[in-house]
PDB file of all heavy atoms in Angstrom:
ATOM      1  N   VAL A   1       0.841  -1.206   0.000  1.00  0.00           N
ATOM      2  CA  VAL A   1       0.000   0.000   0.000  1.00  0.00           C
ATOM      3  C   VAL A   1       0.873   1.253   0.000  1.00  0.00           C
ATOM      4  O   VAL A   1       0.602   2.215  -0.730  1.00  0.00           O
ATOM      5  CB  VAL A   1      -0.965  -0.015   1.206  1.00  0.00           C
ATOM      6  CG1 VAL A   1      -1.667   1.320   1.369  1.00  0.00           C
ATOM      7  CG2 VAL A   1      -1.985  -1.126   1.041  1.00  0.00           C
ATOM      8  N   ILE A   2       1.934   1.245   0.814  1.00  0.00           N
ATOM      9  CA  ILE A   2       2.850   2.392   0.833  1.00  0.00           C
ATOM     10  C   ILE A   2       3.477   2.582  -0.547  1.00  0.00           C
ATOM     11  O   ILE A   2       3.573   3.700  -1.058  1.00  0.00           O
ATOM     12  CB  ILE A   2       3.928   2.203   1.921  1.00  0.00           C
ATOM     13  CG1 ILE A   2       3.293   2.303   3.299  1.00  0.00           C
ATOM     14  CG2 ILE A   2       5.043   3.233   1.761  1.00  0.00           C
ATOM     15  CD1 ILE A   2       4.220   1.927   4.430  1.00  0.00           C
ATOM     16  N   GLY A   3       3.913   1.480  -1.164  1.00  0.00           N
ATOM     17  CA  GLY A   3       4.484   1.558  -2.515  1.00  0.00           C
ATOM     18  C   GLY A   3       3.477   2.045  -3.534  1.00  0.00           C
ATOM     19  O   GLY A   3       3.823   2.794  -4.451  1.00  0.00           O
ATOM     20  N   LEU A   4       2.235   1.624  -3.387  1.00  0.00           N
ATOM     21  CA  LEU A   4       1.184   2.058  -4.308  1.00  0.00           C
ATOM     22  C   LEU A   4       1.023   3.571  -4.268  1.00  0.00           C
ATOM     23  O   LEU A   4       1.032   4.236  -5.312  1.00  0.00           O
ATOM     24  CB  LEU A   4      -0.134   1.367  -3.947  1.00  0.00           C
ATOM     25  CG  LEU A   4      -1.342   1.738  -4.778  1.00  0.00           C
ATOM     26  CD1 LEU A   4      -1.256   1.055  -6.129  1.00  0.00           C
ATOM     27  CD2 LEU A   4      -2.609   1.346  -4.062  1.00  0.00           C
ATOM     28  N   PHE A   5       0.898   4.126  -3.074  1.00  0.00           N
ATOM     29  CA  PHE A   5       0.730   5.568  -2.948  1.00  0.00           C
ATOM     30  C   PHE A   5       1.988   6.336  -3.351  1.00  0.00           C
ATOM     31  O   PHE A   5       1.910   7.356  -4.016  1.00  0.00           O
ATOM     32  CB  PHE A   5       0.297   5.946  -1.530  1.00  0.00           C
ATOM     33  CG  PHE A   5      -1.128   5.596  -1.241  1.00  0.00           C
ATOM     34  CD1 PHE A   5      -1.449   4.695  -0.249  1.00  0.00           C
ATOM     35  CD2 PHE A   5      -2.158   6.158  -1.975  1.00  0.00           C
ATOM     36  CE1 PHE A   5      -2.757   4.361   0.025  1.00  0.00           C
ATOM     37  CE2 PHE A   5      -3.480   5.833  -1.717  1.00  0.00           C
ATOM     38  CZ  PHE A   5      -3.782   4.931  -0.716  1.00  0.00           C
ATOM     39  N   ALA A   6       3.152   5.834  -2.924  1.00  0.00           N
ATOM     40  CA  ALA A   6       4.398   6.518  -3.274  1.00  0.00           C
ATOM     41  C   ALA A   6       4.626   6.499  -4.782  1.00  0.00           C
ATOM     42  O   ALA A   6       5.013   7.511  -5.377  1.00  0.00           O
ATOM     43  CB  ALA A   6       5.573   5.861  -2.557  1.00  0.00           C
ATOM     44  N   GLY A   7       4.369   5.369  -5.421  1.00  0.00           N
ATOM     45  CA  GLY A   7       4.531   5.281  -6.870  1.00  0.00           C
ATOM     46  C   GLY A   7       3.537   6.148  -7.607  1.00  0.00           C
ATOM     47  O   GLY A   7       3.862   6.768  -8.624  1.00  0.00           O
ATOM     48  N   GLY A   8       2.310   6.207  -7.106  1.00  0.00           N
ATOM     49  CA  GLY A   8       1.304   7.065  -7.727  1.00  0.00           C
ATOM     50  C   GLY A   8       1.676   8.534  -7.643  1.00  0.00           C
ATOM     51  O   GLY A   8       1.560   9.281  -8.618  1.00  0.00           O
ATOM     52  N   ILE A   9       2.143   8.957  -6.465  1.00  0.00           N
ATOM     53  CA  ILE A   9       2.538  10.364  -6.303  1.00  0.00           C
ATOM     54  C   ILE A   9       3.748  10.688  -7.162  1.00  0.00           C
ATOM     55  O   ILE A   9       3.797  11.712  -7.839  1.00  0.00           O
ATOM     56  CB  ILE A   9       2.806  10.657  -4.813  1.00  0.00           C
ATOM     57  CG1 ILE A   9       1.497  10.588  -4.034  1.00  0.00           C
ATOM     58  CG2 ILE A   9       3.472  12.009  -4.627  1.00  0.00           C
ATOM     59  CD1 ILE A   9       1.679  10.592  -2.531  1.00  0.00           C
ATOM     60  N   PHE A  10       4.731   9.797  -7.136  1.00  0.00           N
ATOM     61  CA  PHE A  10       5.940  10.022  -7.939  1.00  0.00           C
ATOM     62  C   PHE A  10       5.613  10.070  -9.430  1.00  0.00           C
ATOM     63  O   PHE A  10       6.082  10.941 -10.157  1.00  0.00           O
ATOM     64  CB  PHE A  10       6.951   8.915  -7.653  1.00  0.00           C
ATOM     65  CG  PHE A  10       8.211   9.019  -8.450  1.00  0.00           C
ATOM     66  CD1 PHE A  10       9.147   9.990  -8.162  1.00  0.00           C
ATOM     67  CD2 PHE A  10       8.453   8.152  -9.505  1.00  0.00           C
ATOM     68  CE1 PHE A  10      10.314  10.091  -8.904  1.00  0.00           C
ATOM     69  CE2 PHE A  10       9.607   8.242 -10.255  1.00  0.00           C
ATOM     70  CZ  PHE A  10      10.543   9.227  -9.946  1.00  0.00           C
ATOM     71  N   GLY A  11       4.800   9.141  -9.886  1.00  0.00           N
ATOM     72  CA  GLY A  11       4.432   9.114 -11.302  1.00  0.00           C
ATOM     73  C   GLY A  11       3.600  10.307 -11.710  1.00  0.00           C
ATOM     74  O   GLY A  11       3.740  10.832 -12.817  1.00  0.00           O
ATOM     75  N   LEU A  12       2.706  10.771 -10.837  1.00  0.00           N
ATOM     76  CA  LEU A  12       1.872  11.930 -11.146  1.00  0.00           C
ATOM     77  C   LEU A  12       2.711  13.193 -11.267  1.00  0.00           C
ATOM     78  O   LEU A  12       2.478  14.028 -12.137  1.00  0.00           O
ATOM     79  CB  LEU A  12       0.804  12.102 -10.069  1.00  0.00           C
ATOM     80  CG  LEU A  12      -0.242  13.186 -10.315  1.00  0.00           C
ATOM     81  CD1 LEU A  12      -1.037  12.855 -11.565  1.00  0.00           C
ATOM     82  CD2 LEU A  12      -1.151  13.315  -9.121  1.00  0.00           C
ATOM     83  N   GLU A  13       3.711  13.312 -10.393  1.00  0.00           N
ATOM     84  CA  GLU A  13       4.562  14.507 -10.438  1.00  0.00           C
ATOM     85  C   GLU A  13       5.477  14.515 -11.662  1.00  0.00           C
ATOM     86  O   GLU A  13       5.847  15.572 -12.153  1.00  0.00           O
ATOM     87  CB  GLU A  13       5.414  14.602  -9.173  1.00  0.00           C
ATOM     88  CG  GLU A  13       4.613  14.970  -7.948  1.00  0.00           C
ATOM     89  CD  GLU A  13       5.470  15.043  -6.698  1.00  0.00           C
ATOM     90  OE1 GLU A  13       6.673  14.721  -6.770  1.00  0.00           O
ATOM     91  OE2 GLU A  13       4.921  15.397  -5.655  1.00  0.00           O
ATOM     92  N   SER A  14       5.861  13.344 -12.134  1.00  0.00           N
ATOM     93  CA  SER A  14       6.834  13.320 -13.220  1.00  0.00           C
ATOM     94  C   SER A  14       6.209  13.198 -14.611  1.00  0.00           C
ATOM     95  O   SER A  14       6.736  13.754 -15.564  1.00  0.00           O
ATOM     96  CB  SER A  14       7.830  12.177 -13.007  1.00  0.00           C
ATOM     97  OG  SER A  14       7.164  10.934 -13.061  1.00  0.00           O
ATOM     98  N   ASP A  15       5.085  12.466 -14.747  1.00  0.00           N
ATOM     99  CA  ASP A  15       4.604  12.209 -16.110  1.00  0.00           C
ATOM    100  C   ASP A  15       3.098  12.375 -16.284  1.00  0.00           C
ATOM    101  O   ASP A  15       2.626  12.406 -17.395  1.00  0.00           O
ATOM    102  CB  ASP A  15       5.031  10.797 -16.514  1.00  0.00           C
ATOM    103  CG  ASP A  15       4.832  10.534 -17.997  1.00  0.00           C
ATOM    104  OD1 ASP A  15       4.967  11.483 -18.784  1.00  0.00           O
ATOM    105  OD2 ASP A  15       4.534   9.387 -18.355  1.00  0.00           O
ATOM    106  N   GLY A  16       2.343  12.418 -15.259  1.00  0.00           N
ATOM    107  CA  GLY A  16       0.899  12.535 -15.409  1.00  0.00           C
ATOM    108  C   GLY A  16       0.204  11.208 -15.170  1.00  0.00           C
ATOM    109  O   GLY A  16       0.655  10.375 -14.396  1.00  0.00           O
ATOM    110  N   GLY A  17      -0.917  10.991 -15.872  1.00  0.00           N
ATOM    111  CA  GLY A  17      -1.777   9.831 -15.619  1.00  0.00           C
ATOM    112  C   GLY A  17      -1.133   8.488 -15.870  1.00  0.00           C
ATOM    113  O   GLY A  17      -1.208   7.589 -15.040  1.00  0.00           O
ATOM    114  N   ALA A  18      -0.494   8.313 -17.020  1.00  0.00           N
ATOM    115  CA  ALA A  18       0.132   7.035 -17.341  1.00  0.00           C
ATOM    116  C   ALA A  18       1.313   6.763 -16.416  1.00  0.00           C
ATOM    117  O   ALA A  18       1.520   5.639 -15.973  1.00  0.00           O
ATOM    118  CB  ALA A  18       0.602   7.011 -18.795  1.00  0.00           C
ATOM    119  N   GLY A  19       2.072   7.797 -16.117  1.00  0.00           N
ATOM    120  CA  GLY A  19       3.194   7.643 -15.186  1.00  0.00           C
ATOM    121  C   GLY A  19       2.728   7.291 -13.794  1.00  0.00           C
ATOM    122  O   GLY A  19       3.374   6.519 -13.084  1.00  0.00           O
ATOM    123  N   MET A  20       1.579   7.864 -13.398  1.00  0.00           N
ATOM    124  CA  MET A  20       1.021   7.556 -12.083  1.00  0.00           C
ATOM    125  C   MET A  20       0.661   6.077 -11.999  1.00  0.00           C
ATOM    126  O   MET A  20       1.006   5.401 -11.037  1.00  0.00           O
ATOM    127  CB  MET A  20      -0.219   8.406 -11.812  1.00  0.00           C
ATOM    128  CG  MET A  20      -0.846   8.135 -10.454  1.00  0.00           C
ATOM    129  SD  MET A  20      -2.313   9.120 -10.132  1.00  0.00           S
ATOM    130  CE  MET A  20      -3.498   8.314 -11.172  1.00  0.00           C
ATOM    131  N   LEU A  21      -0.012   5.582 -13.016  1.00  0.00           N
ATOM    132  CA  LEU A  21      -0.400   4.173 -13.034  1.00  0.00           C
ATOM    133  C   LEU A  21       0.826   3.263 -13.060  1.00  0.00           C
ATOM    134  O   LEU A  21       0.915   2.303 -12.286  1.00  0.00           O
ATOM    135  CB  LEU A  21      -1.295   3.894 -14.242  1.00  0.00           C
ATOM    136  CG  LEU A  21      -1.802   2.457 -14.384  1.00  0.00           C
ATOM    137  CD1 LEU A  21      -2.679   2.097 -13.199  1.00  0.00           C
ATOM    138  CD2 LEU A  21      -2.560   2.300 -15.672  1.00  0.00           C
ATOM    139  N   PHE A  22       1.773   3.575 -13.924  1.00  0.00           N
ATOM    140  CA  PHE A  22       2.983   2.768 -14.059  1.00  0.00           C
ATOM    141  C   PHE A  22       3.798   2.785 -12.760  1.00  0.00           C
ATOM    142  O   PHE A  22       4.239   1.746 -12.278  1.00  0.00           O
ATOM    143  CB  PHE A  22       3.825   3.285 -15.232  1.00  0.00           C
ATOM    144  CG  PHE A  22       5.018   2.443 -15.541  1.00  0.00           C
ATOM    145  CD1 PHE A  22       4.868   1.182 -16.079  1.00  0.00           C
ATOM    146  CD2 PHE A  22       6.301   2.912 -15.276  1.00  0.00           C
ATOM    147  CE1 PHE A  22       5.969   0.400 -16.365  1.00  0.00           C
ATOM    148  CE2 PHE A  22       7.408   2.137 -15.555  1.00  0.00           C
ATOM    149  CZ  PHE A  22       7.246   0.876 -16.097  1.00  0.00           C
ATOM    150  N   GLY A  23       3.995   3.961 -12.185  1.00  0.00           N
ATOM    151  CA  GLY A  23       4.748   4.074 -10.937  1.00  0.00           C
ATOM    152  C   GLY A  23       4.068   3.364  -9.788  1.00  0.00           C
ATOM    153  O   GLY A  23       4.721   2.703  -8.971  1.00  0.00           O
ATOM    154  N   ALA A  24       2.738   3.480  -9.716  1.00  0.00           N
ATOM    155  CA  ALA A  24       1.996   2.824  -8.639  1.00  0.00           C
ATOM    156  C   ALA A  24       2.106   1.310  -8.731  1.00  0.00           C
ATOM    157  O   ALA A  24       2.334   0.632  -7.724  1.00  0.00           O
ATOM    158  CB  ALA A  24       0.533   3.257  -8.678  1.00  0.00           C
ATOM    159  N   VAL A  25       1.986   0.772  -9.929  1.00  0.00           N
ATOM    160  CA  VAL A  25       2.058  -0.684 -10.109  1.00  0.00           C
ATOM    161  C   VAL A  25       3.451  -1.209  -9.778  1.00  0.00           C
ATOM    162  O   VAL A  25       3.607  -2.198  -9.051  1.00  0.00           O
ATOM    163  CB  VAL A  25       1.643  -1.076 -11.544  1.00  0.00           C
ATOM    164  CG1 VAL A  25       1.969  -2.524 -11.836  1.00  0.00           C
ATOM    165  CG2 VAL A  25       0.164  -0.821 -11.745  1.00  0.00           C
ATOM    166  N   ILE A  26       4.470  -0.521 -10.292  1.00  0.00           N
ATOM    167  CA  ILE A  26       5.844  -0.977 -10.068  1.00  0.00           C
ATOM    168  C   ILE A  26       6.221  -0.901  -8.587  1.00  0.00           C
ATOM    169  O   ILE A  26       6.726  -1.863  -8.009  1.00  0.00           O
ATOM    170  CB  ILE A  26       6.838  -0.144 -10.922  1.00  0.00           C
ATOM    171  CG1 ILE A  26       6.595  -0.374 -12.402  1.00  0.00           C
ATOM    172  CG2 ILE A  26       8.275  -0.459 -10.551  1.00  0.00           C
ATOM    173  CD1 ILE A  26       6.846  -1.786 -12.865  1.00  0.00           C
ATOM    174  N   LEU A  27       5.972   0.247  -7.951  1.00  0.00           N
ATOM    175  CA  LEU A  27       6.365   0.385  -6.549  1.00  0.00           C
ATOM    176  C   LEU A  27       5.483  -0.448  -5.608  1.00  0.00           C
ATOM    177  O   LEU A  27       5.943  -0.870  -4.555  1.00  0.00           O
ATOM    178  CB  LEU A  27       6.379   1.850  -6.131  1.00  0.00           C
ATOM    179  CG  LEU A  27       7.565   2.651  -6.661  1.00  0.00           C
ATOM    180  CD1 LEU A  27       7.528   4.076  -6.142  1.00  0.00           C
ATOM    181  CD2 LEU A  27       8.878   2.006  -6.288  1.00  0.00           C
ATOM    182  N   ALA A  28       4.237  -0.714  -5.983  1.00  0.00           N
ATOM    183  CA  ALA A  28       3.414  -1.605  -5.172  1.00  0.00           C
ATOM    184  C   ALA A  28       3.965  -3.024  -5.216  1.00  0.00           C
ATOM    185  O   ALA A  28       4.015  -3.721  -4.193  1.00  0.00           O
ATOM    186  CB  ALA A  28       1.965  -1.584  -5.644  1.00  0.00           C
ATOM    187  N   ALA A  29       4.403  -3.461  -6.394  1.00  0.00           N
ATOM    188  CA  ALA A  29       4.993  -4.800  -6.510  1.00  0.00           C
ATOM    189  C   ALA A  29       6.295  -4.886  -5.720  1.00  0.00           C
ATOM    190  O   ALA A  29       6.534  -5.870  -5.006  1.00  0.00           O
ATOM    191  CB  ALA A  29       5.239  -5.141  -7.979  1.00  0.00           C
ATOM    192  N   ILE A  30       7.133  -3.869  -5.821  1.00  0.00           N
ATOM    193  CA  ILE A  30       8.388  -3.862  -5.073  1.00  0.00           C
ATOM    194  C   ILE A  30       8.113  -3.812  -3.571  1.00  0.00           C
ATOM    195  O   ILE A  30       8.742  -4.520  -2.779  1.00  0.00           O
ATOM    196  CB  ILE A  30       9.271  -2.670  -5.515  1.00  0.00           C
ATOM    197  CG1 ILE A  30       9.756  -2.888  -6.943  1.00  0.00           C
ATOM    198  CG2 ILE A  30      10.453  -2.489  -4.576  1.00  0.00           C
ATOM    199  CD1 ILE A  30      10.456  -1.688  -7.548  1.00  0.00           C
ATOM    200  N   GLY A  31       7.154  -2.992  -3.153  1.00  0.00           N
ATOM    201  CA  GLY A  31       6.791  -2.910  -1.741  1.00  0.00           C
ATOM    202  C   GLY A  31       6.250  -4.229  -1.208  1.00  0.00           C
ATOM    203  O   GLY A  31       6.570  -4.646  -0.094  1.00  0.00           O
ATOM    204  N   GLY A  32       5.429  -4.909  -1.997  1.00  0.00           N
ATOM    205  CA  GLY A  32       4.918  -6.220  -1.577  1.00  0.00           C
ATOM    206  C   GLY A  32       6.025  -7.242  -1.441  1.00  0.00           C
ATOM    207  O   GLY A  32       6.039  -8.050  -0.504  1.00  0.00           O
ATOM    208  N   TRP A  33       6.987  -7.196  -2.374  1.00  0.00           N
ATOM    209  CA  TRP A  33       8.120  -8.127  -2.320  1.00  0.00           C
ATOM    210  C   TRP A  33       8.977  -7.873  -1.080  1.00  0.00           C
ATOM    211  O   TRP A  33       9.349  -8.805  -0.376  1.00  0.00           O
ATOM    212  CB  TRP A  33       8.946  -7.981  -3.594  1.00  0.00           C
ATOM    213  CG  TRP A  33      10.116  -8.887  -3.673  1.00  0.00           C
ATOM    214  CD1 TRP A  33      10.105 -10.232  -3.901  1.00  0.00           C
ATOM    215  CD2 TRP A  33      11.490  -8.534  -3.493  1.00  0.00           C
ATOM    216  NE1 TRP A  33      11.381 -10.729  -3.887  1.00  0.00           N
ATOM    217  CE2 TRP A  33      12.247  -9.705  -3.635  1.00  0.00           C
ATOM    218  CE3 TRP A  33      12.129  -7.334  -3.230  1.00  0.00           C
ATOM    219  CZ2 TRP A  33      13.630  -9.699  -3.513  1.00  0.00           C
ATOM    220  CZ3 TRP A  33      13.507  -7.346  -3.125  1.00  0.00           C
ATOM    221  CH2 TRP A  33      14.236  -8.524  -3.261  1.00  0.00           C
ATOM    222  N   ILE A  34       9.269  -6.595  -0.808  1.00  0.00           N
ATOM    223  CA  ILE A  34      10.040  -6.255   0.385  1.00  0.00           C
ATOM    224  C   ILE A  34       9.263  -6.624   1.645  1.00  0.00           C
ATOM    225  O   ILE A  34       9.833  -7.090   2.631  1.00  0.00           O
ATOM    226  CB  ILE A  34      10.416  -4.758   0.369  1.00  0.00           C
ATOM    227  CG1 ILE A  34      11.435  -4.504  -0.736  1.00  0.00           C
ATOM    228  CG2 ILE A  34      10.958  -4.297   1.713  1.00  0.00           C
ATOM    229  CD1 ILE A  34      11.741  -3.047  -0.984  1.00  0.00           C
ATOM    230  N   GLY A  35       7.963  -6.431   1.630  1.00  0.00           N
ATOM    231  CA  GLY A  35       7.134  -6.806   2.776  1.00  0.00           C
ATOM    232  C   GLY A  35       7.147  -8.303   3.038  1.00  0.00           C
ATOM    233  O   GLY A  35       7.166  -8.740   4.188  1.00  0.00           O
ATOM    234  N   ARG A  36       7.140  -9.118   1.976  1.00  0.00           N
ATOM    235  CA  ARG A  36       7.222 -10.573   2.163  1.00  0.00           C
ATOM    236  C   ARG A  36       8.567 -10.964   2.763  1.00  0.00           C
ATOM    237  O   ARG A  36       8.656 -11.859   3.597  1.00  0.00           O
ATOM    238  CB  ARG A  36       6.975 -11.296   0.851  1.00  0.00           C
ATOM    239  CG  ARG A  36       5.510 -11.309   0.452  1.00  0.00           C
ATOM    240  CD  ARG A  36       5.227 -12.261  -0.685  1.00  0.00           C
ATOM    241  NE  ARG A  36       5.932 -11.922  -1.912  1.00  0.00           N
ATOM    242  CZ  ARG A  36       5.477 -11.080  -2.831  1.00  0.00           C
ATOM    243  NH1 ARG A  36       4.319 -10.489  -2.659  1.00  0.00           N
ATOM    244  NH2 ARG A  36       6.178 -10.836  -3.915  1.00  0.00           N
ATOM    245  N   LEU A  37       9.639 -10.274   2.334  1.00  0.00           N
ATOM    246  CA  LEU A  37      10.949 -10.527   2.940  1.00  0.00           C
ATOM    247  C   LEU A  37      10.941 -10.146   4.420  1.00  0.00           C
ATOM    248  O   LEU A  37      11.489 -10.865   5.256  1.00  0.00           O
ATOM    249  CB  LEU A  37      12.039  -9.736   2.209  1.00  0.00           C
ATOM    250  CG  LEU A  37      12.412 -10.216   0.817  1.00  0.00           C
ATOM    251  CD1 LEU A  37      13.449  -9.279   0.216  1.00  0.00           C
ATOM    252  CD2 LEU A  37      12.940 -11.629   0.857  1.00  0.00           C
ATOM    253  N   ALA A  38      10.318  -9.010   4.741  1.00  0.00           N
ATOM    254  CA  ALA A  38      10.233  -8.580   6.139  1.00  0.00           C
ATOM    255  C   ALA A  38       9.427  -9.583   6.958  1.00  0.00           C
ATOM    256  O   ALA A  38       9.780  -9.882   8.103  1.00  0.00           O
ATOM    257  CB  ALA A  38       9.618  -7.191   6.232  1.00  0.00           C
ATOM    258  N   ASP A  39       8.342 -10.107   6.385  1.00  0.00           N
ATOM    259  CA  ASP A  39       7.552 -11.133   7.082  1.00  0.00           C
ATOM    260  C   ASP A  39       8.396 -12.363   7.374  1.00  0.00           C
ATOM    261  O   ASP A  39       8.325 -12.932   8.469  1.00  0.00           O
ATOM    262  CB  ASP A  39       6.337 -11.550   6.243  1.00  0.00           C
ATOM    263  CG  ASP A  39       5.249 -10.507   6.230  1.00  0.00           C
ATOM    264  OD1 ASP A  39       5.136  -9.759   7.217  1.00  0.00           O
ATOM    265  OD2 ASP A  39       4.513 -10.448   5.231  1.00  0.00           O
ATOM    266  N   ALA A  40       9.197 -12.785   6.406  1.00  0.00           N
ATOM    267  CA  ALA A  40      10.045 -13.957   6.596  1.00  0.00           C
ATOM    268  C   ALA A  40      11.092 -13.708   7.682  1.00  0.00           C
ATOM    269  O   ALA A  40      11.341 -14.574   8.535  1.00  0.00           O
ATOM    270  CB  ALA A  40      10.725 -14.345   5.287  1.00  0.00           C
ATOM    271  N   VAL A  41      11.697 -12.519   7.667  1.00  0.00           N
ATOM    272  CA  VAL A  41      12.714 -12.197   8.676  1.00  0.00           C
ATOM    273  C   VAL A  41      12.093 -12.157  10.066  1.00  0.00           C
ATOM    274  O   VAL A  41      12.653 -12.699  11.031  1.00  0.00           O
ATOM    275  CB  VAL A  41      13.405 -10.860   8.327  1.00  0.00           C
ATOM    276  CG1 VAL A  41      14.243 -10.354   9.476  1.00  0.00           C
ATOM    277  CG2 VAL A  41      14.260 -11.016   7.088  1.00  0.00           C
ATOM    278  N   VAL A  42      10.923 -11.545  10.188  1.00  0.00           N
ATOM    279  CA  VAL A  42      10.252 -11.472  11.485  1.00  0.00           C
ATOM    280  C   VAL A  42       9.884 -12.871  11.970  1.00  0.00           C
ATOM    281  O   VAL A  42      10.053 -13.197  13.155  1.00  0.00           O
ATOM    282  CB  VAL A  42       9.010 -10.552  11.408  1.00  0.00           C
ATOM    283  CG1 VAL A  42       8.143 -10.683  12.644  1.00  0.00           C
ATOM    284  CG2 VAL A  42       9.439  -9.110  11.216  1.00  0.00           C
ATOM    285  N   ALA A  43       9.394 -13.722  11.069  1.00  0.00           N
ATOM    286  CA  ALA A  43       9.041 -15.091  11.463  1.00  0.00           C
ATOM    287  C   ALA A  43      10.268 -15.854  11.958  1.00  0.00           C
ATOM    288  O   ALA A  43      10.202 -16.568  12.959  1.00  0.00           O
ATOM    289  CB  ALA A  43       8.401 -15.822  10.289  1.00  0.00           C
TER     290      ALA A  43
END
């Protein structure tokens, strides 16, 4: 969720609508991946 919002804001500031969507998708995927690693480390 943090990656989704951060990517959306970053993409909106740099490129507009398409950049917002692209940035949100990419950073949400990266954030989810990092979160799964954090879950594994905590476990």
